[in-house]
Amino acid sequence: MNPIAELRDKLIDLPDIRFMAEADALMVYPADDSGFAVSIRKEGEEYEIAFSGWRARFTEPQEAFNCMTFGLSDDCRLRVESRGGRECRWTVEALENGVWRDHSSTGTTVLAFWKRVETIHQQNHFLTAE
């Protein structure tokens, strides 16, 4: 399985979706400010998936494909935390039985740790949960 080629083939028929595809990478641009960029990049034997600043690595192509399509669906949202106007933590949330649950977080060093945390939620609606 080549998840990048399969994703490209799946996305090409979707209306109003903008994406860039290369041999070893694919990026889907958010539809508007309420969404987030989703990308996949093959690096050696691994695939790196990114939802804005959040990152995960997979060795299994099917798992990478599933994660990528999850990020494009309305069953996924990204909680983005900022301090002093700078994004510093990204948490992937999944809708489970009508409740949003945290699944995985990625963060950076916070230089303005004394500033108040501001939180927004971003969500894509390219694919509808089945």
N, C-alpha and C. Protein backbone atom coordinates (compact mmCIF):
# COMPACT_ATOMS: atom_id res chain seq x y z
N MET A 1 0.83 -1.19 0.00
CA MET A 1 0.00 0.00 0.00
C MET A 1 0.88 1.25 0.00
N ASN A 2 0.50 2.21 -0.81
CA ASN A 2 1.16 3.52 -0.81
C ASN A 2 0.13 4.54 -0.30
N PRO A 3 0.21 4.91 0.97
CA PRO A 3 -0.82 5.79 1.53
C PRO A 3 -0.88 7.16 0.86
N ILE A 4 0.24 7.66 0.38
CA ILE A 4 0.25 8.97 -0.26
C ILE A 4 -0.52 8.92 -1.57
N ALA A 5 -0.27 7.91 -2.37
CA ALA A 5 -1.00 7.77 -3.64
C ALA A 5 -2.48 7.51 -3.40
N GLU A 6 -2.80 6.69 -2.42
CA GLU A 6 -4.21 6.40 -2.13
C GLU A 6 -4.95 7.63 -1.62
N LEU A 7 -4.28 8.43 -0.80
CA LEU A 7 -4.89 9.66 -0.32
C LEU A 7 -5.11 10.64 -1.47
N ARG A 8 -4.11 10.76 -2.34
CA ARG A 8 -4.24 11.65 -3.49
C ARG A 8 -5.45 11.23 -4.34
N ASP A 9 -5.58 9.94 -4.59
CA ASP A 9 -6.71 9.44 -5.39
C ASP A 9 -8.05 9.70 -4.70
N LYS A 10 -8.07 9.61 -3.37
CA LYS A 10 -9.31 9.84 -2.61
C LYS A 10 -9.68 11.33 -2.62
N LEU A 11 -8.68 12.19 -2.52
CA LEU A 11 -8.94 13.63 -2.39
C LEU A 11 -9.27 14.30 -3.71
N ILE A 12 -8.78 13.75 -4.79
CA ILE A 12 -8.95 14.40 -6.09
C ILE A 12 -10.41 14.59 -6.47
N ASP A 13 -11.29 13.74 -5.96
CA ASP A 13 -12.71 13.81 -6.29
C ASP A 13 -13.53 14.65 -5.30
N LEU A 14 -12.90 15.12 -4.22
CA LEU A 14 -13.64 15.90 -3.24
C LEU A 14 -13.74 17.36 -3.69
N PRO A 15 -14.93 17.93 -3.61
CA PRO A 15 -15.07 19.34 -4.02
C PRO A 15 -14.45 20.27 -2.98
N ASP A 16 -13.97 21.39 -3.43
CA ASP A 16 -13.49 22.47 -2.55
C ASP A 16 -12.34 22.07 -1.63
N ILE A 17 -11.53 21.14 -2.05
CA ILE A 17 -10.37 20.76 -1.24
C ILE A 17 -9.10 21.16 -1.99
N ARG A 18 -8.19 21.79 -1.25
CA ARG A 18 -6.92 22.19 -1.85
C ARG A 18 -5.82 21.35 -1.23
N PHE A 19 -5.02 20.74 -2.07
CA PHE A 19 -3.91 19.96 -1.56
C PHE A 19 -2.74 20.00 -2.53
N MET A 20 -1.56 19.68 -2.02
CA MET A 20 -0.35 19.60 -2.82
C MET A 20 0.20 18.19 -2.64
N ALA A 21 0.48 17.52 -3.74
CA ALA A 21 1.00 16.15 -3.67
C ALA A 21 2.32 16.06 -4.40
N GLU A 22 3.25 15.35 -3.79
CA GLU A 22 4.53 15.00 -4.39
C GLU A 22 4.69 13.50 -4.25
N ALA A 23 5.78 12.96 -4.74
CA ALA A 23 6.00 11.52 -4.67
C ALA A 23 6.03 11.01 -3.23
N ASP A 24 6.68 11.77 -2.34
CA ASP A 24 6.85 11.32 -0.96
C ASP A 24 6.12 12.17 0.07
N ALA A 25 5.21 13.03 -0.37
CA ALA A 25 4.51 13.90 0.59
C ALA A 25 3.19 14.37 0.02
N LEU A 26 2.30 14.71 0.93
CA LEU A 26 1.00 15.27 0.55
C LEU A 26 0.56 16.20 1.68
N MET A 27 0.10 17.39 1.32
CA MET A 27 -0.42 18.33 2.31
C MET A 27 -1.80 18.78 1.89
N VAL A 28 -2.73 18.76 2.84
CA VAL A 28 -4.08 19.25 2.63
C VAL A 28 -4.20 20.56 3.40
N TYR A 29 -4.60 21.60 2.69
CA TYR A 29 -4.76 22.92 3.31
C TYR A 29 -6.12 23.03 3.97
N PRO A 30 -6.22 23.76 5.07
CA PRO A 30 -7.52 23.92 5.72
C PRO A 30 -8.47 24.70 4.81
N ALA A 31 -9.75 24.42 4.92
CA ALA A 31 -10.75 25.12 4.12
C ALA A 31 -10.89 26.58 4.55
N ASP A 32 -10.68 26.84 5.84
CA ASP A 32 -10.78 28.20 6.38
C ASP A 32 -10.02 28.25 7.71
N ASP A 33 -10.14 29.37 8.42
CA ASP A 33 -9.40 29.54 9.68
C ASP A 33 -9.85 28.61 10.79
N SER A 34 -11.01 27.96 10.63
CA SER A 34 -11.48 27.05 11.67
C SER A 34 -10.89 25.64 11.52
N GLY A 35 -10.18 25.39 10.43
CA GLY A 35 -9.56 24.09 10.19
C GLY A 35 -8.06 24.12 10.43
N PHE A 36 -7.39 23.02 10.11
CA PHE A 36 -5.95 22.93 10.28
C PHE A 36 -5.35 22.13 9.13
N ALA A 37 -4.09 22.40 8.83
CA ALA A 37 -3.38 21.69 7.77
C ALA A 37 -3.10 20.26 8.23
N VAL A 38 -3.18 19.32 7.30
CA VAL A 38 -2.91 17.91 7.57
C VAL A 38 -1.92 17.45 6.50
N SER A 39 -0.83 16.79 6.94
CA SER A 39 0.16 16.35 5.96
C SER A 39 0.72 14.98 6.29
N ILE A 40 1.26 14.35 5.26
CA ILE A 40 1.96 13.07 5.39
C ILE A 40 3.25 13.18 4.60
N ARG A 41 4.33 12.66 5.17
CA ARG A 41 5.63 12.67 4.50
C ARG A 41 6.31 11.33 4.77
N LYS A 42 6.79 10.70 3.70
CA LYS A 42 7.54 9.45 3.86
C LYS A 42 8.99 9.79 4.11
N GLU A 43 9.53 9.24 5.19
CA GLU A 43 10.93 9.45 5.56
C GLU A 43 11.54 8.08 5.83
N GLY A 44 12.28 7.57 4.87
CA GLY A 44 12.83 6.22 5.00
C GLY A 44 11.72 5.21 5.01
N GLU A 45 11.65 4.42 6.08
CA GLU A 45 10.60 3.41 6.21
C GLU A 45 9.43 3.90 7.06
N GLU A 46 9.45 5.17 7.45
CA GLU A 46 8.40 5.72 8.31
C GLU A 46 7.59 6.78 7.57
N TYR A 47 6.40 7.02 8.11
CA TYR A 47 5.54 8.09 7.64
C TYR A 47 5.31 9.05 8.80
N GLU A 48 5.54 10.33 8.55
CA GLU A 48 5.24 11.33 9.56
C GLU A 48 3.94 12.02 9.18
N ILE A 49 3.01 12.03 10.11
CA ILE A 49 1.73 12.71 9.94
C ILE A 49 1.79 13.97 10.81
N ALA A 50 1.31 15.09 10.25
CA ALA A 50 1.27 16.35 11.00
C ALA A 50 -0.12 16.95 10.89
N PHE A 51 -0.64 17.35 12.04
CA PHE A 51 -1.86 18.15 12.11
C PHE A 51 -1.41 19.49 12.68
N SER A 52 -1.15 20.46 11.83
CA SER A 52 -0.60 21.74 12.27
C SER A 52 0.71 21.45 13.01
N GLY A 53 0.84 21.78 14.31
CA GLY A 53 2.07 21.53 15.05
C GLY A 53 2.17 20.16 15.69
N TRP A 54 1.11 19.37 15.67
CA TRP A 54 1.12 18.02 16.24
C TRP A 54 1.78 17.07 15.26
N ARG A 55 2.56 16.09 15.76
CA ARG A 55 3.27 15.14 14.91
C ARG A 55 3.15 13.72 15.47
N ALA A 56 3.14 12.75 14.55
CA ALA A 56 3.19 11.33 14.93
C ALA A 56 3.88 10.58 13.80
N ARG A 57 4.56 9.48 14.16
CA ARG A 57 5.26 8.65 13.17
C ARG A 57 4.68 7.25 13.17
N PHE A 58 4.60 6.69 11.96
CA PHE A 58 4.06 5.34 11.78
C PHE A 58 4.98 4.55 10.86
N THR A 59 5.14 3.26 11.16
CA THR A 59 5.89 2.38 10.26
C THR A 59 4.95 1.61 9.35
N GLU A 60 3.69 1.47 9.76
CA GLU A 60 2.71 0.75 8.96
C GLU A 60 1.95 1.72 8.05
N PRO A 61 1.99 1.50 6.73
CA PRO A 61 1.30 2.40 5.80
C PRO A 61 -0.19 2.55 6.09
N GLN A 62 -0.87 1.46 6.47
CA GLN A 62 -2.31 1.54 6.74
C GLN A 62 -2.60 2.43 7.94
N GLU A 63 -1.76 2.35 8.98
CA GLU A 63 -1.94 3.20 10.15
C GLU A 63 -1.75 4.67 9.79
N ALA A 64 -0.77 4.96 8.95
CA ALA A 64 -0.54 6.33 8.50
C ALA A 64 -1.74 6.84 7.71
N PHE A 65 -2.26 6.01 6.80
CA PHE A 65 -3.45 6.37 6.02
C PHE A 65 -4.63 6.65 6.93
N ASN A 66 -4.85 5.78 7.91
CA ASN A 66 -5.97 5.94 8.84
C ASN A 66 -5.85 7.23 9.65
N CYS A 67 -4.65 7.53 10.12
CA CYS A 67 -4.43 8.75 10.90
C CYS A 67 -4.68 9.98 10.03
N MET A 68 -4.19 9.95 8.81
CA MET A 68 -4.37 11.08 7.90
C MET A 68 -5.86 11.32 7.61
N THR A 69 -6.60 10.27 7.32
CA THR A 69 -8.03 10.45 7.03
C THR A 69 -8.79 10.87 8.29
N PHE A 70 -8.35 10.40 9.45
CA PHE A 70 -8.95 10.84 10.71
C PHE A 70 -8.82 12.35 10.86
N GLY A 71 -7.65 12.90 10.56
CA GLY A 71 -7.42 14.34 10.67
C GLY A 71 -8.26 15.16 9.72
N LEU A 72 -8.71 14.55 8.65
CA LEU A 72 -9.55 15.25 7.67
C LEU A 72 -11.05 15.12 7.98
N SER A 73 -11.36 14.28 8.97
CA SER A 73 -12.77 13.99 9.26
C SER A 73 -13.32 14.90 10.37
N ASP A 74 -14.63 14.89 10.48
CA ASP A 74 -15.27 15.66 11.55
C ASP A 74 -15.30 14.91 12.88
N ASP A 75 -14.69 13.76 12.94
CA ASP A 75 -14.52 13.01 14.20
C ASP A 75 -13.25 13.41 14.94
N CYS A 76 -12.48 14.32 14.34
CA CYS A 76 -11.21 14.76 14.90
C CYS A 76 -11.23 16.27 15.06
N ARG A 77 -10.65 16.74 16.14
CA ARG A 77 -10.40 18.18 16.25
C ARG A 77 -9.07 18.38 16.96
N LEU A 78 -8.53 19.56 16.79
CA LEU A 78 -7.23 19.90 17.35
C LEU A 78 -7.42 21.04 18.34
N ARG A 79 -6.99 20.80 19.59
CA ARG A 79 -7.00 21.87 20.59
C ARG A 79 -5.63 22.53 20.56
N VAL A 80 -5.61 23.81 20.29
CA VAL A 80 -4.36 24.55 20.15
C VAL A 80 -4.26 25.55 21.30
N GLU A 81 -3.18 25.44 22.06
CA GLU A 81 -2.94 26.35 23.18
C GLU A 81 -1.82 27.31 22.82
N SER A 82 -2.01 28.56 23.18
CA SER A 82 -1.02 29.61 22.91
C SER A 82 -0.72 30.38 24.18
N ARG A 83 0.47 30.93 24.24
CA ARG A 83 0.86 31.85 25.31
C ARG A 83 1.53 33.04 24.63
N GLY A 84 1.06 34.21 24.95
CA GLY A 84 1.65 35.40 24.36
C GLY A 84 1.51 35.43 22.84
N GLY A 85 0.45 34.82 22.31
CA GLY A 85 0.23 34.82 20.87
C GLY A 85 1.03 33.77 20.11
N ARG A 86 1.76 32.92 20.82
CA ARG A 86 2.58 31.89 20.18
C ARG A 86 2.05 30.50 20.52
N GLU A 87 1.73 29.71 19.49
CA GLU A 87 1.22 28.36 19.72
C GLU A 87 2.29 27.51 20.40
N CYS A 88 1.87 26.74 21.41
CA CYS A 88 2.85 25.97 22.17
C CYS A 88 2.42 24.53 22.46
N ARG A 89 1.15 24.19 22.27
CA ARG A 89 0.69 22.82 22.51
C ARG A 89 -0.47 22.51 21.59
N TRP A 90 -0.39 21.29 21.02
CA TRP A 90 -1.44 20.80 20.12
C TRP A 90 -1.91 19.45 20.65
N THR A 91 -3.20 19.32 20.86
CA THR A 91 -3.77 18.07 21.38
C THR A 91 -4.82 17.57 20.40
N VAL A 92 -4.65 16.34 19.95
CA VAL A 92 -5.64 15.71 19.07
C VAL A 92 -6.74 15.16 19.95
N GLU A 93 -7.98 15.51 19.60
CA GLU A 93 -9.14 15.02 20.31
C GLU A 93 -10.01 14.21 19.35
N ALA A 94 -10.61 13.15 19.86
CA ALA A 94 -11.49 12.30 19.06
C ALA A 94 -12.89 12.31 19.66
N LEU A 95 -13.88 12.35 18.79
CA LEU A 95 -15.27 12.30 19.24
C LEU A 95 -15.65 10.85 19.46
N GLU A 96 -15.91 10.50 20.74
CA GLU A 96 -16.25 9.13 21.11
C GLU A 96 -17.56 9.15 21.89
N ASN A 97 -18.60 8.54 21.32
CA ASN A 97 -19.92 8.49 21.96
C ASN A 97 -20.41 9.89 22.34
N GLY A 98 -20.19 10.85 21.46
CA GLY A 98 -20.67 12.21 21.67
C GLY A 98 -19.83 13.07 22.59
N VAL A 99 -18.67 12.55 23.05
CA VAL A 99 -17.80 13.29 23.96
C VAL A 99 -16.41 13.42 23.34
N TRP A 100 -15.83 14.63 23.41
CA TRP A 100 -14.47 14.82 22.91
C TRP A 100 -13.47 14.31 23.94
N ARG A 101 -12.58 13.43 23.51
CA ARG A 101 -11.56 12.83 24.39
C ARG A 101 -10.16 13.12 23.84
N ASP A 102 -9.24 13.48 24.76
CA ASP A 102 -7.85 13.70 24.38
C ASP A 102 -7.22 12.40 23.95
N HIS A 103 -6.40 12.46 22.90
CA HIS A 103 -5.69 11.27 22.46
C HIS A 103 -4.18 11.43 22.50
N SER A 104 -3.67 12.55 22.05
CA SER A 104 -2.23 12.72 21.98
C SER A 104 -1.90 14.20 21.92
N SER A 105 -0.79 14.58 22.59
CA SER A 105 -0.37 15.99 22.60
C SER A 105 1.08 16.11 22.17
N THR A 106 1.37 17.24 21.57
CA THR A 106 2.74 17.63 21.22
C THR A 106 2.90 19.06 21.69
N GLY A 107 4.04 19.36 22.29
CA GLY A 107 4.27 20.73 22.76
C GLY A 107 5.67 21.20 22.48
N THR A 108 5.85 22.50 22.64
CA THR A 108 7.17 23.11 22.48
C THR A 108 7.53 23.81 23.78
N THR A 109 8.76 24.24 23.88
CA THR A 109 9.19 25.00 25.04
C THR A 109 8.45 26.33 25.04
N VAL A 110 7.91 26.68 26.18
CA VAL A 110 7.14 27.91 26.32
C VAL A 110 8.06 28.99 26.89
N LEU A 111 8.34 30.00 26.09
CA LEU A 111 9.19 31.08 26.57
C LEU A 111 8.42 32.07 27.44
N ALA A 112 7.18 32.31 27.12
CA ALA A 112 6.35 33.25 27.88
C ALA A 112 5.44 32.49 28.83
N PHE A 113 6.03 31.65 29.70
CA PHE A 113 5.26 30.77 30.58
C PHE A 113 4.37 31.53 31.55
N TRP A 114 4.66 32.77 31.81
CA TRP A 114 3.87 33.56 32.75
C TRP A 114 2.60 34.13 32.11
N LYS A 115 2.52 34.08 30.80
CA LYS A 115 1.35 34.63 30.13
C LYS A 115 0.19 33.64 30.17
N ARG A 116 -1.00 34.18 30.11
CA ARG A 116 -2.23 33.38 30.17
C ARG A 116 -2.33 32.46 28.96
N VAL A 117 -2.83 31.26 29.20
CA VAL A 117 -3.04 30.29 28.11
C VAL A 117 -4.33 30.66 27.38
N GLU A 118 -4.24 30.73 26.07
CA GLU A 118 -5.42 30.91 25.23
C GLU A 118 -5.62 29.62 24.45
N THR A 119 -6.86 29.16 24.37
CA THR A 119 -7.16 27.88 23.72
C THR A 119 -8.19 28.08 22.63
N ILE A 120 -7.92 27.47 21.47
CA ILE A 120 -8.90 27.42 20.39
C ILE A 120 -9.02 25.97 19.93
N HIS A 121 -10.14 25.66 19.31
CA HIS A 121 -10.33 24.34 18.71
C HIS A 121 -10.45 24.52 17.21
N GLN A 122 -9.76 23.67 16.48
CA GLN A 122 -9.82 23.67 15.02
C GLN A 122 -10.31 22.31 14.57
N GLN A 123 -11.07 22.31 13.48
CA GLN A 123 -11.64 21.06 13.00
C GLN A 123 -11.83 21.11 11.49
N ASN A 124 -11.51 20.02 10.84
CA ASN A 124 -11.76 19.86 9.40
C ASN A 124 -13.06 19.11 9.20
N HIS A 125 -13.66 19.35 8.04
CA HIS A 125 -14.92 18.69 7.72
C HIS A 125 -14.89 18.14 6.29
N PHE A 126 -13.71 17.70 5.85
CA PHE A 126 -13.58 17.18 4.49
C PHE A 126 -14.22 15.80 4.36
N LEU A 127 -14.09 14.98 5.40
CA LEU A 127 -14.65 13.63 5.40
C LEU A 127 -15.62 13.52 6.56
N THR A 128 -16.74 12.88 6.33
CA THR A 128 -17.74 12.69 7.38
C THR A 128 -17.53 11.33 8.02
N ALA A 129 -17.60 11.31 9.33
CA ALA A 129 -17.43 10.05 10.06
C ALA A 129 -18.51 9.07 9.63
N GLU A 130 -18.13 7.82 9.55
CA GLU A 130 -19.07 6.77 9.10
C GLU A 130 -19.79 6.13 10.25
